[in-house]
C-alpha atoms as a PDB file:
ATOM      1  CA  PRO A   1      -3.415  11.435  -4.818  1.00  0.00           C
ATOM      2  CA  PRO A   2      -4.335  12.770  -1.371  1.00  0.00           C
ATOM      3  CA  LEU A   3      -4.669  10.184   1.387  1.00  0.00           C
ATOM      4  CA  GLY A   4      -6.914  10.683   4.413  1.00  0.00           C
ATOM      5  CA  SER A   5      -5.827   9.534   7.898  1.00  0.00           C
ATOM      6  CA  PRO A   6      -7.814   6.744   9.607  1.00  0.00           C
ATOM      7  CA  ASP A   7      -9.406   9.235  11.972  1.00  0.00           C
ATOM      8  CA  GLY A   8     -10.349  11.532   9.092  1.00  0.00           C
ATOM      9  CA  LEU A   9      -8.544  14.505  10.668  1.00  0.00           C
ATOM     10  CA  ARG A  10      -5.482  14.786   8.365  1.00  0.00           C
ATOM     11  CA  ILE A  11      -4.647  14.532   4.707  1.00  0.00           C
ATOM     12  CA  VAL A  12      -1.200  13.583   3.369  1.00  0.00           C
ATOM     13  CA  TYR A  13      -0.151  14.312  -0.187  1.00  0.00           C
ATOM     14  CA  SER A  14       2.903  14.849  -2.430  1.00  0.00           C
ATOM     15  CA  VAL A  15       4.088  18.282  -3.516  1.00  0.00           C
ATOM     16  CA  THR A  16       6.190  18.487  -6.637  1.00  0.00           C
ATOM     17  CA  GLY A  17       9.528  20.279  -6.349  1.00  0.00           C
ATOM     18  CA  LYS A  18      13.095  19.193  -6.920  1.00  0.00           C
ATOM     19  CA  PHE A  19      11.829  15.975  -5.299  1.00  0.00           C
ATOM     20  CA  ASP A  20       8.225  15.073  -4.533  1.00  0.00           C
ATOM     21  CA  ASP A  21       7.929  15.562  -0.750  1.00  0.00           C
ATOM     22  CA  LEU A  22       5.163  14.463   1.575  1.00  0.00           C
ATOM     23  CA  TYR A  23       3.060  17.168   3.203  1.00  0.00           C
ATOM     24  CA  VAL A  24       0.242  16.890   5.737  1.00  0.00           C
ATOM     25  CA  LYS A  25      -2.543  19.296   6.669  1.00  0.00           C
ATOM     26  CA  PRO A  26      -5.755  19.215   8.709  1.00  0.00           C
ATOM     27  CA  ALA A  27      -8.696  17.823   6.708  1.00  0.00           C
ATOM     28  CA  LEU A  28     -10.915  20.763   7.740  1.00  0.00           C
ATOM     29  CA  GLY A  29      -8.389  23.361   6.600  1.00  0.00           C
ATOM     30  CA  GLY A  30      -5.356  24.913   8.097  1.00  0.00           C
ATOM     31  CA  ASN A  31      -1.638  25.142   7.437  1.00  0.00           C
ATOM     32  CA  GLU A  32       0.235  22.416   5.668  1.00  0.00           C
ATOM     33  CA  GLU A  33       3.484  21.104   7.079  1.00  0.00           C
ATOM     34  CA  VAL A  34       6.292  19.071   5.593  1.00  0.00           C
ATOM     35  CA  LEU A  35       5.869  15.506   6.734  1.00  0.00           C
ATOM     36  CA  LEU A  36       8.952  14.136   4.935  1.00  0.00           C
ATOM     37  CA  HIS A  37      11.636  15.845   2.868  1.00  0.00           C
ATOM     38  CA  SER A  38      14.408  13.713   1.290  1.00  0.00           C
ATOM     39  CA  ASP A  39      16.268  13.190  -1.968  1.00  0.00           C
ATOM     40  CA  GLN A  40      13.609  10.797  -3.229  1.00  0.00           C
ATOM     41  CA  ASP A  41      10.303  11.173  -4.984  1.00  0.00           C
ATOM     42  CA  LYS A  42       7.547   9.985  -2.601  1.00  0.00           C
ATOM     43  CA  ILE A  43       3.917   8.922  -2.907  1.00  0.00           C
ATOM     44  CA  ALA A  44       1.818   8.143   0.194  1.00  0.00           C
ATOM     45  CA  GLU A  45       0.052   4.794  -0.083  1.00  0.00           C
ATOM     46  CA  SER A  46      -1.575   3.680   3.190  1.00  0.00           C
ATOM     47  CA  TRP A  47      -1.945   4.625   6.881  1.00  0.00           C
ATOM     48  CA  SER A  48      -1.958   1.901   9.505  1.00  0.00           C
ATOM     49  CA  ALA A  49      -5.385   1.750  11.173  1.00  0.00           C
ATOM     50  CA  ASP A  50      -3.940   3.126  14.429  1.00  0.00           C
ATOM     51  CA  GLY A  51      -2.432   6.106  12.575  1.00  0.00           C
ATOM     52  CA  ARG A  52       1.097   5.304  13.809  1.00  0.00           C
ATOM     53  CA  TYR A  53       2.655   4.387  10.407  1.00  0.00           C
ATOM     54  CA  LEU A  54       2.456   5.566   6.853  1.00  0.00           C
ATOM     55  CA  ILE A  55       3.636   3.419   3.961  1.00  0.00           C
ATOM     56  CA  PHE A  56       4.932   5.253   0.929  1.00  0.00           C
ATOM     57  CA  GLU A  57       6.583   4.572  -2.413  1.00  0.00           C
ATOM     58  CA  ALA A  58       9.995   6.176  -2.935  1.00  0.00           C
ATOM     59  CA  ASN A  59      12.291   6.495  -5.949  1.00  0.00           C
ATOM     60  CA  ASP A  60      15.738   8.003  -5.619  1.00  0.00           C
ATOM     61  CA  ARG A  61      16.191   8.469  -9.382  1.00  0.00           C
ATOM     62  CA  LYS A  62      19.712   6.936  -9.221  1.00  0.00           C
ATOM     63  CA  GLY A  63      18.705   3.783 -11.015  1.00  0.00           C
ATOM     64  CA  ALA A  64      20.027   1.300  -8.430  1.00  0.00           C
ATOM     65  CA  THR A  65      16.421   0.330  -7.572  1.00  0.00           C
ATOM     66  CA  GLU A  66      13.042   1.078  -8.979  1.00  0.00           C
ATOM     67  CA  TRP A  67      10.222   2.273  -6.766  1.00  0.00           C
ATOM     68  CA  ASP A  68      10.522   0.850  -3.241  1.00  0.00           C
ATOM     69  CA  LEU A  69       8.181   0.752  -0.229  1.00  0.00           C
ATOM     70  CA  TRP A  70       9.177   2.661   2.896  1.00  0.00           C
ATOM     71  CA  ILE A  71       7.544   3.074   6.307  1.00  0.00           C
ATOM     72  CA  LEU A  72       7.329   6.426   8.027  1.00  0.00           C
ATOM     73  CA  PRO A  73       6.669   6.216  11.787  1.00  0.00           C
ATOM     74  CA  LEU A  74       4.401   9.120  12.782  1.00  0.00           C
ATOM     75  CA  THR A  75       5.522   9.114  16.409  1.00  0.00           C
ATOM     76  CA  GLY A  76       8.954   9.267  18.046  1.00  0.00           C
ATOM     77  CA  ASP A  77      11.847  10.294  15.835  1.00  0.00           C
ATOM     78  CA  ARG A  78       9.802   9.849  12.604  1.00  0.00           C
ATOM     79  CA  LYS A  79      12.791   8.353  10.796  1.00  0.00           C
ATOM     80  CA  PRO A  80      11.646   6.411   7.682  1.00  0.00           C
ATOM     81  CA  PHE A  81      12.942   2.922   7.018  1.00  0.00           C
ATOM     82  CA  PRO A  82      12.699   0.602   3.955  1.00  0.00           C
ATOM     83  CA  TYR A  83      10.055  -2.080   4.021  1.00  0.00           C
ATOM     84  CA  VAL A  84      10.752  -3.688   0.600  1.00  0.00           C
ATOM     85  CA  ALA A  85      13.676  -2.211  -1.335  1.00  0.00           C
ATOM     86  CA  THR A  86      15.063  -4.279  -4.191  1.00  0.00           C
ATOM     87  CA  ARG A  87      16.195  -3.773  -7.767  1.00  0.00           C
ATOM     88  CA  PHE A  88      12.569  -4.458  -8.809  1.00  0.00           C
ATOM     89  CA  ALA A  89       9.619  -2.071  -8.598  1.00  0.00           C
ATOM     90  CA  GLU A  90       7.495  -2.388  -5.415  1.00  0.00           C
ATOM     91  CA  HIS A  91       4.504  -0.179  -5.025  1.00  0.00           C
ATOM     92  CA  GLU A  92       0.833   0.091  -4.018  1.00  0.00           C
ATOM     93  CA  GLY A  93       1.429  -0.875  -0.404  1.00  0.00           C
ATOM     94  CA  ALA A  94      -1.669  -1.356   1.771  1.00  0.00           C
ATOM     95  CA  PHE A  95      -1.803  -2.098   5.513  1.00  0.00           C
ATOM     96  CA  SER A  96      -4.192  -4.809   6.685  1.00  0.00           C
ATOM     97  CA  PRO A  97      -6.877  -3.580   9.092  1.00  0.00           C
ATOM     98  CA  ASP A  98      -4.969  -5.022  12.090  1.00  0.00           C
ATOM     99  CA  GLY A  99      -1.673  -3.449  10.907  1.00  0.00           C
ATOM    100  CA  LYS A 100       0.139  -6.819  10.974  1.00  0.00           C
ATOM    101  CA  TRP A 101       0.323  -7.395   7.179  1.00  0.00           C
ATOM    102  CA  ILE A 102       0.993  -5.358   4.074  1.00  0.00           C
ATOM    103  CA  ALA A 103      -0.292  -6.162   0.567  1.00  0.00           C
ATOM    104  CA  TYR A 104       1.859  -4.742  -2.201  1.00  0.00           C
ATOM    105  CA  VAL A 105       2.694  -5.137  -5.908  1.00  0.00           C
ATOM    106  CA  SER A 106       6.073  -6.182  -7.229  1.00  0.00           C
ATOM    107  CA  ASP A 107       7.438  -7.002 -10.688  1.00  0.00           C
ATOM    108  CA  GLU A 108      10.137  -9.364  -9.374  1.00  0.00           C
ATOM    109  CA  SER A 109       8.635 -12.304 -11.309  1.00  0.00           C
ATOM    110  CA  GLY A 110       8.876 -10.401 -14.596  1.00  0.00           C
ATOM    111  CA  LYS A 111       5.316  -9.098 -14.356  1.00  0.00           C
ATOM    112  CA  SER A 112       3.347  -7.271 -11.698  1.00  0.00           C
ATOM    113  CA  GLU A 113       1.938  -9.567  -9.014  1.00  0.00           C
ATOM    114  CA  VAL A 114       0.306  -8.909  -5.669  1.00  0.00           C
ATOM    115  CA  TYR A 115       2.105 -10.167  -2.525  1.00  0.00           C
ATOM    116  CA  VAL A 116       1.346 -10.094   1.217  1.00  0.00           C
ATOM    117  CA  ALA A 117       4.103  -9.882   3.854  1.00  0.00           C
ATOM    118  CA  PRO A 118       4.186  -9.417   7.617  1.00  0.00           C
ATOM    119  CA  PHE A 119       4.673  -6.018   9.267  1.00  0.00           C
ATOM    120  CA  PRO A 120       7.281  -5.511  10.606  1.00  0.00           C
ATOM    121  CA  ALA A 121       9.078  -7.239   7.756  1.00  0.00           C
ATOM    122  CA  THR A 122      10.552 -10.631   8.358  1.00  0.00           C
ATOM    123  CA  GLY A 123      11.671 -11.495   4.817  1.00  0.00           C
ATOM    124  CA  ALA A 124       8.650 -13.858   4.400  1.00  0.00           C
ATOM    125  CA  LYS A 125       6.078 -13.144   1.713  1.00  0.00           C
ATOM    126  CA  TRP A 126       3.235 -14.892  -0.025  1.00  0.00           C
ATOM    127  CA  GLN A 127       2.097 -14.353  -3.620  1.00  0.00           C
ATOM    128  CA  VAL A 128      -1.624 -13.517  -3.808  1.00  0.00           C
ATOM    129  CA  SER A 129      -2.217 -13.161  -7.577  1.00  0.00           C
ATOM    130  CA  THR A 130      -1.573 -16.003  -9.947  1.00  0.00           C
ATOM    131  CA  ALA A 131      -1.470 -14.519 -13.418  1.00  0.00           C
ATOM    132  CA  GLY A 132      -0.564 -10.878 -12.953  1.00  0.00           C
ATOM    133  CA  GLY A 133      -2.134  -8.360 -10.625  1.00  0.00           C
ATOM    134  CA  PHE A 134      -2.098  -4.835  -9.334  1.00  0.00           C
ATOM    135  CA  VAL A 135      -4.078  -2.568  -6.932  1.00  0.00           C
ATOM    136  CA  GLY A 136      -4.084  -4.896  -3.980  1.00  0.00           C
ATOM    137  CA  PHE A 137      -6.313  -3.848  -1.055  1.00  0.00           C
ATOM    138  CA  TRP A 138      -7.896  -5.416   2.012  1.00  0.00           C
ATOM    139  CA  ASN A 139     -11.564  -5.829   2.963  1.00  0.00           C
ATOM    140  CA  ARG A 140     -12.542  -4.259   6.312  1.00  0.00           C
ATOM    141  CA  ASP A 141     -12.147  -7.394   8.426  1.00  0.00           C
ATOM    142  CA  GLY A 142      -8.770  -8.367   6.944  1.00  0.00           C
ATOM    143  CA  GLN A 143     -10.074 -11.751   5.766  1.00  0.00           C
ATOM    144  CA  GLU A 144      -9.857 -10.936   2.077  1.00  0.00           C
ATOM    145  CA  VAL A 145      -7.413  -9.297  -0.311  1.00  0.00           C
ATOM    146  CA  LEU A 146      -8.819  -7.866  -3.489  1.00  0.00           C
ATOM    147  CA  TYR A 147      -6.814  -6.981  -6.592  1.00  0.00           C
ATOM    148  CA  VAL A 148      -7.214  -6.250 -10.246  1.00  0.00           C
ATOM    149  CA  ALA A 149      -5.913  -9.003 -12.591  1.00  0.00           C
ATOM    150  CA  SER A 150      -4.110  -8.274 -15.816  1.00  0.00           C
ATOM    151  CA  ASP A 151      -7.383  -8.608 -17.753  1.00  0.00           C
ATOM    152  CA  GLN A 152      -9.102  -5.998 -15.522  1.00  0.00           C
ATOM    153  CA  THR A 153     -11.042  -8.599 -13.558  1.00  0.00           C
ATOM    154  CA  VAL A 154     -11.434  -7.727  -9.879  1.00  0.00           C
ATOM    155  CA  MET A 155     -10.345 -10.825  -7.910  1.00  0.00           C
ATOM    156  CA  SER A 156     -10.925 -11.909  -4.318  1.00  0.00           C
ATOM    157  CA  VAL A 157      -8.567 -14.044  -2.221  1.00  0.00           C
ATOM    158  CA  GLY A 158      -9.673 -15.349   1.175  1.00  0.00           C
ATOM    159  CA  VAL A 159      -7.084 -14.825   3.950  1.00  0.00           C
ATOM    160  CA  ARG A 160      -6.543 -16.693   7.215  1.00  0.00           C
ATOM    161  CA  THR A 161      -3.671 -15.662   9.494  1.00  0.00           C
ATOM    162  CA  SER A 162      -2.124 -17.492  12.400  1.00  0.00           C
ATOM    163  CA  GLY A 163       0.721 -15.742  14.141  1.00  0.00           C
ATOM    164  CA  ALA A 164       3.396 -15.039  11.554  1.00  0.00           C
ATOM    165  CA  THR A 165       1.884 -17.258   8.805  1.00  0.00           C
ATOM    166  CA  ILE A 166      -0.904 -16.711   6.362  1.00  0.00           C
ATOM    167  CA  ASP A 167      -3.112 -19.112   4.413  1.00  0.00           C
ATOM    168  CA  LEU A 168      -4.449 -17.800   1.088  1.00  0.00           C
ATOM    169  CA  ALA A 169      -7.444 -19.263  -0.786  1.00  0.00           C
ATOM    170  CA  SER A 170      -7.382 -19.549  -4.553  1.00  0.00           C
ATOM    171  CA  PRO A 171      -8.302 -16.278  -6.333  1.00  0.00           C
ATOM    172  CA  ARG A 172     -11.893 -16.051  -7.503  1.00  0.00           C
ATOM    173  CA  PRO A 173     -13.261 -13.507  -9.948  1.00  0.00           C
ATOM    174  CA  LEU A 174     -15.820 -10.954  -8.804  1.00  0.00           C
ATOM    175  CA  PHE A 175     -16.448  -8.808 -11.887  1.00  0.00           C
ATOM    176  CA  ARG A 176     -14.745  -7.180 -14.853  1.00  0.00           C
ATOM    177  CA  ALA A 177     -13.695  -3.580 -14.480  1.00  0.00           C
ATOM    178  CA  ARG A 178     -12.837  -0.962 -17.079  1.00  0.00           C
ATOM    179  CA  ASP A 179      -9.513   0.841 -16.772  1.00  0.00           C
ATOM    180  CA  ALA A 180      -9.135   0.210 -13.046  1.00  0.00           C
ATOM    181  CA  ILE A 181      -6.354   2.296 -11.527  1.00  0.00           C
ATOM    182  CA  GLY A 182      -7.194   2.133  -7.823  1.00  0.00           C
ATOM    183  CA  GLY A 183      -9.539   0.445  -5.450  1.00  0.00           C
ATOM    184  CA  ALA A 184     -11.196   0.752  -2.060  1.00  0.00           C
ATOM    185  CA  LEU A 185     -14.130  -0.698  -0.167  1.00  0.00           C
ATOM    186  CA  SER A 186     -17.015   1.254   1.266  1.00  0.00           C
ATOM    187  CA  PRO A 187     -17.023   1.402   5.088  1.00  0.00           C
ATOM    188  CA  ASP A 188     -19.784  -1.292   5.198  1.00  0.00           C
ATOM    189  CA  GLY A 189     -17.699  -3.542   2.907  1.00  0.00           C
ATOM    190  CA  LYS A 190     -20.589  -3.951   0.433  1.00  0.00           C
ATOM    191  CA  ARG A 191     -19.372  -1.729  -2.407  1.00  0.00           C
ATOM    192  CA  ILE A 192     -16.032  -1.473  -4.267  1.00  0.00           C
ATOM    193  CA  LEU A 193     -14.887   1.907  -5.544  1.00  0.00           C
END
């Protein structure tokens, strides 16, 4: 799916070819340009709020790993680097509003669960969901991670950060969804899409 930049001026999206590459174009029309070409399929997931980084899923089709999360700096040499790359599937990466944390989904436990880890990566991570979860995203002030549980219940987890550590509250149910495949909050934080 297309992904708008934080300033609303650009849209990034995948174009199918030999490999799915990332393209970007002005939101109000204009020429598209290749943002990232490589021997991997790529799906844009989240911009950092300052617009300096893009997190994307990548799969090299070689079978050594599943989907992995990569970071593309949008300034400087724009050389992508892995954020979480294991033999498991990592996907649905979402930057926190302050850009210091990333929520993502991994199946490393044998089922999909939502995790939060620092950005840049330190190797530390905290599990957010407790009985399966996907579609992790942040509220506007970064003090809550929301996700969809295995039974389609939208869950809320309070977040407190202190330096390089994070304290997570117990998940609490908000409401039951039907066939949830994505999620976002309205700009005022009062509605979930």
